[in-house]
Amino acid sequence: MSAPAAEVGGLRGALEEARHARRIAETRVGRVTAAGPEQLASHVLLLAAVPDEIRRAFRERLLSRVIAYDLEHQADLVDTLEAFLRYDGSWTRCASALHVHVNTLRYRIRRIEELTGRDLARLDDRVDFYLALELA
């Protein structure tokens, strides 16, 4: 769905908006899905517009070493990363949610940074990780 067109001249823009909303709805799971103009002002629109092979490559480049480490060591680095981002980088709240000591959380985050060459103190790197996790 698109936002209502205020006049005839706005129909072309509304149609394009509806096409983008349809692409977003197609990425959702379930029998009946819908997307409207409110989703068009978020990262969801950007992700829906990116071809699948590029989305997979981005996720792979950013997370493959972390996923491999998790599999090899039965670690929870991906889950830790998701929680860390969900709690906006709050060490205390994240550690509490994961039921681990803050030092354990610090060790895990440092390990993620070592594996990826990224710095989770930087907003740009946090955004990249967030988007990569959204592509799952």
N, C-alpha and C. Protein backbone atom coordinates (compact mmCIF):
# COMPACT_ATOMS: atom_id res chain seq x y z
N MET A 1 0.84 -1.18 0.00
CA MET A 1 0.00 0.00 0.00
C MET A 1 0.89 1.24 0.00
N SER A 2 0.36 2.29 -0.54
CA SER A 2 1.07 3.57 -0.50
C SER A 2 0.28 4.55 0.35
N ALA A 3 0.90 5.65 0.62
CA ALA A 3 0.15 6.74 1.26
C ALA A 3 -0.84 7.28 0.23
N PRO A 4 -1.95 7.84 0.66
CA PRO A 4 -2.92 8.38 -0.30
C PRO A 4 -2.30 9.50 -1.14
N ALA A 5 -2.66 9.53 -2.41
CA ALA A 5 -2.22 10.60 -3.30
C ALA A 5 -3.15 11.79 -3.11
N ALA A 6 -2.57 12.95 -2.88
CA ALA A 6 -3.38 14.14 -2.62
C ALA A 6 -4.03 14.66 -3.89
N GLU A 7 -3.42 14.40 -5.03
CA GLU A 7 -3.95 14.89 -6.31
C GLU A 7 -3.54 13.94 -7.42
N VAL A 8 -4.07 14.12 -8.58
CA VAL A 8 -3.79 13.24 -9.71
C VAL A 8 -2.29 13.20 -10.02
N GLY A 9 -1.62 14.31 -9.89
CA GLY A 9 -0.19 14.37 -10.16
C GLY A 9 0.64 13.50 -9.22
N GLY A 10 0.07 13.12 -8.10
CA GLY A 10 0.78 12.29 -7.13
C GLY A 10 0.58 10.80 -7.33
N LEU A 11 -0.22 10.41 -8.32
CA LEU A 11 -0.50 8.99 -8.54
C LEU A 11 0.74 8.20 -8.93
N ARG A 12 1.58 8.79 -9.77
CA ARG A 12 2.80 8.07 -10.18
C ARG A 12 3.68 7.75 -8.97
N GLY A 13 3.86 8.72 -8.09
CA GLY A 13 4.65 8.50 -6.88
C GLY A 13 4.01 7.48 -5.96
N ALA A 14 2.68 7.53 -5.85
CA ALA A 14 1.97 6.57 -5.01
C ALA A 14 2.12 5.16 -5.57
N LEU A 15 2.07 5.03 -6.89
CA LEU A 15 2.24 3.72 -7.51
C LEU A 15 3.64 3.17 -7.23
N GLU A 16 4.65 4.00 -7.37
CA GLU A 16 6.02 3.57 -7.09
C GLU A 16 6.18 3.19 -5.62
N GLU A 17 5.58 3.97 -4.74
CA GLU A 17 5.63 3.66 -3.31
C GLU A 17 4.97 2.32 -3.04
N ALA A 18 3.84 2.05 -3.68
CA ALA A 18 3.14 0.78 -3.50
C ALA A 18 3.99 -0.38 -4.02
N ARG A 19 4.71 -0.18 -5.09
CA ARG A 19 5.60 -1.24 -5.61
C ARG A 19 6.70 -1.57 -4.59
N HIS A 20 7.27 -0.55 -3.99
CA HIS A 20 8.30 -0.78 -2.97
C HIS A 20 7.70 -1.49 -1.75
N ALA A 21 6.51 -1.09 -1.37
CA ALA A 21 5.85 -1.74 -0.23
C ALA A 21 5.58 -3.21 -0.54
N ARG A 22 5.21 -3.51 -1.80
CA ARG A 22 4.97 -4.90 -2.18
C ARG A 22 6.26 -5.71 -2.06
N ARG A 23 7.40 -5.13 -2.48
CA ARG A 23 8.68 -5.84 -2.35
C ARG A 23 8.99 -6.15 -0.89
N ILE A 24 8.68 -5.21 -0.03
CA ILE A 24 8.90 -5.43 1.41
C ILE A 24 7.99 -6.56 1.90
N ALA A 25 6.73 -6.52 1.52
CA ALA A 25 5.78 -7.55 1.96
C ALA A 25 6.20 -8.93 1.47
N GLU A 26 6.79 -9.00 0.30
CA GLU A 26 7.23 -10.29 -0.24
C GLU A 26 8.34 -10.91 0.59
N THR A 27 9.10 -10.12 1.32
CA THR A 27 10.19 -10.65 2.13
C THR A 27 9.71 -11.19 3.47
N ARG A 28 8.48 -10.94 3.82
CA ARG A 28 7.95 -11.37 5.11
C ARG A 28 7.43 -12.79 5.05
N VAL A 29 7.43 -13.43 6.20
CA VAL A 29 6.96 -14.81 6.30
C VAL A 29 5.49 -14.82 6.70
N GLY A 30 4.75 -15.76 6.15
CA GLY A 30 3.34 -15.89 6.52
C GLY A 30 2.47 -15.96 5.28
N ARG A 31 1.26 -16.36 5.48
CA ARG A 31 0.34 -16.51 4.35
C ARG A 31 -0.08 -15.16 3.79
N VAL A 32 -0.43 -14.25 4.67
CA VAL A 32 -0.88 -12.94 4.23
C VAL A 32 0.04 -11.90 4.85
N THR A 33 0.63 -11.09 4.01
CA THR A 33 1.49 -10.03 4.51
C THR A 33 1.11 -8.73 3.84
N ALA A 34 1.40 -7.66 4.50
CA ALA A 34 1.12 -6.34 3.95
C ALA A 34 2.21 -5.39 4.43
N ALA A 35 2.45 -4.38 3.64
CA ALA A 35 3.39 -3.33 4.03
C ALA A 35 2.82 -2.02 3.52
N GLY A 36 3.05 -1.00 4.29
CA GLY A 36 2.52 0.30 3.93
C GLY A 36 3.58 1.38 4.00
N PRO A 37 3.15 2.62 3.90
CA PRO A 37 4.11 3.73 3.84
C PRO A 37 5.01 3.84 5.07
N GLU A 38 4.56 3.36 6.22
CA GLU A 38 5.39 3.47 7.42
C GLU A 38 6.66 2.62 7.30
N GLN A 39 6.62 1.51 6.56
CA GLN A 39 7.81 0.69 6.37
C GLN A 39 8.76 1.31 5.35
N LEU A 40 8.27 2.23 4.54
CA LEU A 40 9.09 2.81 3.50
C LEU A 40 10.06 3.86 4.04
N ALA A 41 9.97 4.16 5.29
CA ALA A 41 10.88 5.13 5.89
C ALA A 41 11.82 4.42 6.86
N SER A 42 12.19 3.18 6.55
CA SER A 42 13.09 2.44 7.42
C SER A 42 14.09 1.66 6.59
N HIS A 43 15.01 1.03 7.28
CA HIS A 43 16.02 0.21 6.61
C HIS A 43 15.39 -0.96 5.87
N VAL A 44 14.18 -1.33 6.23
CA VAL A 44 13.51 -2.45 5.58
C VAL A 44 13.37 -2.19 4.08
N LEU A 45 13.05 -0.97 3.70
CA LEU A 45 12.94 -0.63 2.29
C LEU A 45 14.28 -0.79 1.59
N LEU A 46 15.33 -0.32 2.21
CA LEU A 46 16.65 -0.45 1.59
C LEU A 46 17.05 -1.90 1.41
N LEU A 47 16.80 -2.71 2.43
CA LEU A 47 17.16 -4.12 2.34
C LEU A 47 16.33 -4.84 1.27
N ALA A 48 15.05 -4.50 1.16
CA ALA A 48 14.20 -5.15 0.18
C ALA A 48 14.61 -4.80 -1.24
N ALA A 49 15.22 -3.65 -1.44
CA ALA A 49 15.60 -3.20 -2.78
C ALA A 49 16.93 -3.79 -3.24
N VAL A 50 17.68 -4.40 -2.34
CA VAL A 50 18.99 -4.95 -2.67
C VAL A 50 18.80 -6.39 -3.18
N PRO A 51 19.42 -6.72 -4.30
CA PRO A 51 19.30 -8.09 -4.83
C PRO A 51 19.78 -9.14 -3.83
N ASP A 52 19.17 -10.31 -3.87
CA ASP A 52 19.46 -11.38 -2.92
C ASP A 52 20.94 -11.75 -2.87
N GLU A 53 21.59 -11.84 -4.03
CA GLU A 53 22.99 -12.26 -4.03
C GLU A 53 23.89 -11.24 -3.34
N ILE A 54 23.56 -9.97 -3.44
CA ILE A 54 24.34 -8.94 -2.76
C ILE A 54 24.06 -8.99 -1.26
N ARG A 55 22.81 -9.22 -0.89
CA ARG A 55 22.47 -9.35 0.53
C ARG A 55 23.24 -10.51 1.16
N ARG A 56 23.24 -11.66 0.47
CA ARG A 56 23.95 -12.84 0.99
C ARG A 56 25.45 -12.57 1.10
N ALA A 57 26.01 -11.92 0.08
CA ALA A 57 27.45 -11.63 0.09
C ALA A 57 27.81 -10.69 1.24
N PHE A 58 26.99 -9.68 1.49
CA PHE A 58 27.24 -8.75 2.59
C PHE A 58 27.24 -9.48 3.92
N ARG A 59 26.20 -10.28 4.14
CA ARG A 59 26.10 -11.05 5.39
C ARG A 59 27.29 -11.99 5.53
N GLU A 60 27.62 -12.69 4.45
CA GLU A 60 28.73 -13.63 4.47
C GLU A 60 30.05 -12.94 4.81
N ARG A 61 30.33 -11.82 4.16
CA ARG A 61 31.58 -11.10 4.41
C ARG A 61 31.69 -10.64 5.85
N LEU A 62 30.59 -10.20 6.41
CA LEU A 62 30.64 -9.63 7.75
C LEU A 62 30.58 -10.69 8.85
N LEU A 63 29.77 -11.73 8.66
CA LEU A 63 29.51 -12.66 9.76
C LEU A 63 30.10 -14.06 9.60
N SER A 64 30.67 -14.40 8.47
CA SER A 64 31.10 -15.79 8.23
C SER A 64 32.11 -16.28 9.27
N ARG A 65 33.06 -15.45 9.63
CA ARG A 65 34.07 -15.89 10.61
C ARG A 65 33.45 -16.07 12.00
N VAL A 66 32.49 -15.23 12.34
CA VAL A 66 31.82 -15.34 13.65
C VAL A 66 30.97 -16.62 13.68
N ILE A 67 30.24 -16.87 12.61
CA ILE A 67 29.41 -18.07 12.53
C ILE A 67 30.30 -19.32 12.58
N ALA A 68 31.40 -19.32 11.84
CA ALA A 68 32.32 -20.45 11.84
C ALA A 68 32.90 -20.68 13.23
N TYR A 69 33.25 -19.60 13.92
CA TYR A 69 33.78 -19.71 15.28
C TYR A 69 32.73 -20.33 16.20
N ASP A 70 31.49 -19.87 16.09
CA ASP A 70 30.40 -20.44 16.90
C ASP A 70 30.27 -21.95 16.67
N LEU A 71 30.31 -22.36 15.42
CA LEU A 71 30.17 -23.78 15.10
C LEU A 71 31.34 -24.60 15.63
N GLU A 72 32.54 -24.08 15.48
CA GLU A 72 33.74 -24.81 15.89
C GLU A 72 33.88 -24.90 17.40
N HIS A 73 33.50 -23.84 18.11
CA HIS A 73 33.73 -23.77 19.55
C HIS A 73 32.46 -23.85 20.38
N GLN A 74 31.32 -24.13 19.75
CA GLN A 74 30.03 -24.14 20.44
C GLN A 74 29.85 -22.86 21.26
N ALA A 75 30.22 -21.75 20.65
CA ALA A 75 30.11 -20.44 21.30
C ALA A 75 28.78 -19.80 20.93
N ASP A 76 28.48 -18.70 21.52
CA ASP A 76 27.23 -17.97 21.25
C ASP A 76 27.53 -16.54 20.82
N LEU A 77 28.52 -16.37 19.95
CA LEU A 77 28.91 -15.01 19.58
C LEU A 77 27.84 -14.30 18.76
N VAL A 78 27.17 -15.01 17.86
CA VAL A 78 26.12 -14.37 17.06
C VAL A 78 24.98 -13.93 17.96
N ASP A 79 24.56 -14.80 18.88
CA ASP A 79 23.50 -14.43 19.82
C ASP A 79 23.95 -13.27 20.71
N THR A 80 25.21 -13.28 21.11
CA THR A 80 25.75 -12.20 21.93
C THR A 80 25.71 -10.89 21.14
N LEU A 81 26.12 -10.94 19.89
CA LEU A 81 26.10 -9.75 19.05
C LEU A 81 24.69 -9.21 18.89
N GLU A 82 23.73 -10.08 18.63
CA GLU A 82 22.34 -9.66 18.50
C GLU A 82 21.85 -8.98 19.78
N ALA A 83 22.16 -9.57 20.92
CA ALA A 83 21.73 -9.00 22.19
C ALA A 83 22.42 -7.66 22.44
N PHE A 84 23.70 -7.60 22.16
CA PHE A 84 24.45 -6.36 22.38
C PHE A 84 23.84 -5.21 21.58
N LEU A 85 23.47 -5.48 20.35
CA LEU A 85 22.85 -4.46 19.52
C LEU A 85 21.43 -4.15 19.99
N ARG A 86 20.69 -5.17 20.39
CA ARG A 86 19.31 -4.98 20.88
C ARG A 86 19.29 -4.09 22.12
N TYR A 87 20.31 -4.21 22.96
CA TYR A 87 20.39 -3.40 24.18
C TYR A 87 21.26 -2.16 23.99
N ASP A 88 21.39 -1.73 22.74
CA ASP A 88 22.06 -0.48 22.39
C ASP A 88 23.48 -0.37 22.95
N GLY A 89 24.17 -1.49 23.03
CA GLY A 89 25.54 -1.46 23.51
C GLY A 89 25.69 -1.29 25.00
N SER A 90 24.60 -1.45 25.75
CA SER A 90 24.67 -1.34 27.20
C SER A 90 25.25 -2.64 27.77
N TRP A 91 26.44 -2.54 28.34
CA TRP A 91 27.12 -3.72 28.87
C TRP A 91 26.29 -4.37 29.98
N THR A 92 25.78 -3.56 30.88
CA THR A 92 25.06 -4.09 32.04
C THR A 92 23.75 -4.76 31.64
N ARG A 93 22.94 -4.07 30.85
CA ARG A 93 21.65 -4.64 30.45
C ARG A 93 21.83 -5.88 29.58
N CYS A 94 22.80 -5.83 28.69
CA CYS A 94 23.04 -6.98 27.81
C CYS A 94 23.53 -8.18 28.62
N ALA A 95 24.49 -7.97 29.49
CA ALA A 95 25.00 -9.07 30.32
C ALA A 95 23.89 -9.66 31.16
N SER A 96 23.05 -8.82 31.71
CA SER A 96 21.92 -9.30 32.51
C SER A 96 20.97 -10.14 31.67
N ALA A 97 20.66 -9.67 30.47
CA ALA A 97 19.74 -10.40 29.59
C ALA A 97 20.32 -11.75 29.17
N LEU A 98 21.63 -11.80 29.00
CA LEU A 98 22.28 -13.05 28.59
C LEU A 98 22.63 -13.94 29.79
N HIS A 99 22.43 -13.43 30.98
CA HIS A 99 22.75 -14.15 32.23
C HIS A 99 24.24 -14.50 32.28
N VAL A 100 25.07 -13.51 31.94
CA VAL A 100 26.52 -13.68 32.03
C VAL A 100 27.11 -12.48 32.76
N HIS A 101 28.32 -12.64 33.25
CA HIS A 101 29.03 -11.54 33.90
C HIS A 101 29.44 -10.53 32.82
N VAL A 102 29.53 -9.26 33.20
CA VAL A 102 29.92 -8.21 32.25
C VAL A 102 31.28 -8.51 31.63
N ASN A 103 32.20 -9.07 32.40
CA ASN A 103 33.52 -9.40 31.84
C ASN A 103 33.41 -10.48 30.77
N THR A 104 32.49 -11.42 30.95
CA THR A 104 32.26 -12.44 29.92
C THR A 104 31.74 -11.80 28.64
N LEU A 105 30.82 -10.87 28.81
CA LEU A 105 30.29 -10.14 27.66
C LEU A 105 31.40 -9.36 26.97
N ARG A 106 32.24 -8.69 27.74
CA ARG A 106 33.36 -7.93 27.16
C ARG A 106 34.29 -8.85 26.37
N TYR A 107 34.56 -10.02 26.92
CA TYR A 107 35.41 -10.99 26.22
C TYR A 107 34.77 -11.39 24.89
N ARG A 108 33.48 -11.69 24.90
CA ARG A 108 32.80 -12.12 23.68
C ARG A 108 32.79 -11.01 22.62
N ILE A 109 32.52 -9.79 23.04
CA ILE A 109 32.50 -8.67 22.09
C ILE A 109 33.90 -8.45 21.52
N ARG A 110 34.90 -8.54 22.37
CA ARG A 110 36.29 -8.39 21.91
C ARG A 110 36.62 -9.49 20.89
N ARG A 111 36.14 -10.69 21.13
CA ARG A 111 36.38 -11.81 20.21
C ARG A 111 35.72 -11.53 18.85
N ILE A 112 34.49 -11.02 18.87
CA ILE A 112 33.80 -10.66 17.63
C ILE A 112 34.60 -9.61 16.87
N GLU A 113 35.08 -8.62 17.59
CA GLU A 113 35.88 -7.55 16.97
C GLU A 113 37.17 -8.11 16.35
N GLU A 114 37.81 -9.04 17.05
CA GLU A 114 39.03 -9.65 16.53
C GLU A 114 38.75 -10.46 15.27
N LEU A 115 37.66 -11.20 15.28
CA LEU A 115 37.32 -12.05 14.14
C LEU A 115 36.94 -11.24 12.90
N THR A 116 36.32 -10.09 13.11
CA THR A 116 35.79 -9.31 11.99
C THR A 116 36.62 -8.10 11.62
N GLY A 117 37.50 -7.67 12.52
CA GLY A 117 38.25 -6.44 12.27
C GLY A 117 37.40 -5.19 12.43
N ARG A 118 36.26 -5.34 13.06
CA ARG A 118 35.35 -4.21 13.30
C ARG A 118 35.42 -3.78 14.75
N ASP A 119 34.90 -2.57 15.01
CA ASP A 119 34.92 -1.99 16.35
C ASP A 119 33.47 -1.67 16.75
N LEU A 120 32.94 -2.41 17.70
CA LEU A 120 31.54 -2.22 18.09
C LEU A 120 31.30 -0.95 18.89
N ALA A 121 32.35 -0.18 19.15
CA ALA A 121 32.16 1.13 19.75
C ALA A 121 31.79 2.16 18.68
N ARG A 122 32.01 1.82 17.42
CA ARG A 122 31.72 2.72 16.29
C ARG A 122 30.30 2.47 15.78
N LEU A 123 29.55 3.53 15.59
CA LEU A 123 28.19 3.43 15.09
C LEU A 123 28.14 2.78 13.71
N ASP A 124 29.05 3.14 12.82
CA ASP A 124 29.06 2.56 11.48
C ASP A 124 29.16 1.04 11.52
N ASP A 125 30.04 0.53 12.37
CA ASP A 125 30.20 -0.92 12.48
C ASP A 125 28.98 -1.57 13.11
N ARG A 126 28.40 -0.91 14.09
CA ARG A 126 27.17 -1.44 14.69
C ARG A 126 26.05 -1.53 13.66
N VAL A 127 25.91 -0.50 12.84
CA VAL A 127 24.87 -0.50 11.80
C VAL A 127 25.12 -1.64 10.83
N ASP A 128 26.35 -1.82 10.39
CA ASP A 128 26.67 -2.91 9.47
C ASP A 128 26.29 -4.26 10.07
N PHE A 129 26.65 -4.48 11.32
CA PHE A 129 26.31 -5.74 11.97
C PHE A 129 24.79 -5.90 12.07
N TYR A 130 24.12 -4.84 12.47
CA TYR A 130 22.66 -4.90 12.59
C TYR A 130 22.03 -5.29 11.25
N LEU A 131 22.46 -4.65 10.18
CA LEU A 131 21.90 -4.96 8.87
C LEU A 131 22.22 -6.39 8.45
N ALA A 132 23.44 -6.84 8.70
CA ALA A 132 23.83 -8.21 8.36
C ALA A 132 22.96 -9.22 9.11
N LEU A 133 22.68 -8.94 10.37
CA LEU A 133 21.83 -9.85 11.15
C LEU A 133 20.38 -9.82 10.66
N GLU A 134 19.92 -8.68 10.18
CA GLU A 134 18.57 -8.56 9.64
C GLU A 134 18.42 -9.35 8.35
N LEU A 135 19.51 -9.60 7.67
CA LEU A 135 19.47 -10.32 6.40
C LEU A 135 19.37 -11.82 6.57
N ALA A 136 19.33 -12.29 7.81
CA ALA A 136 19.26 -13.74 8.06
C ALA A 136 17.97 -14.34 7.55
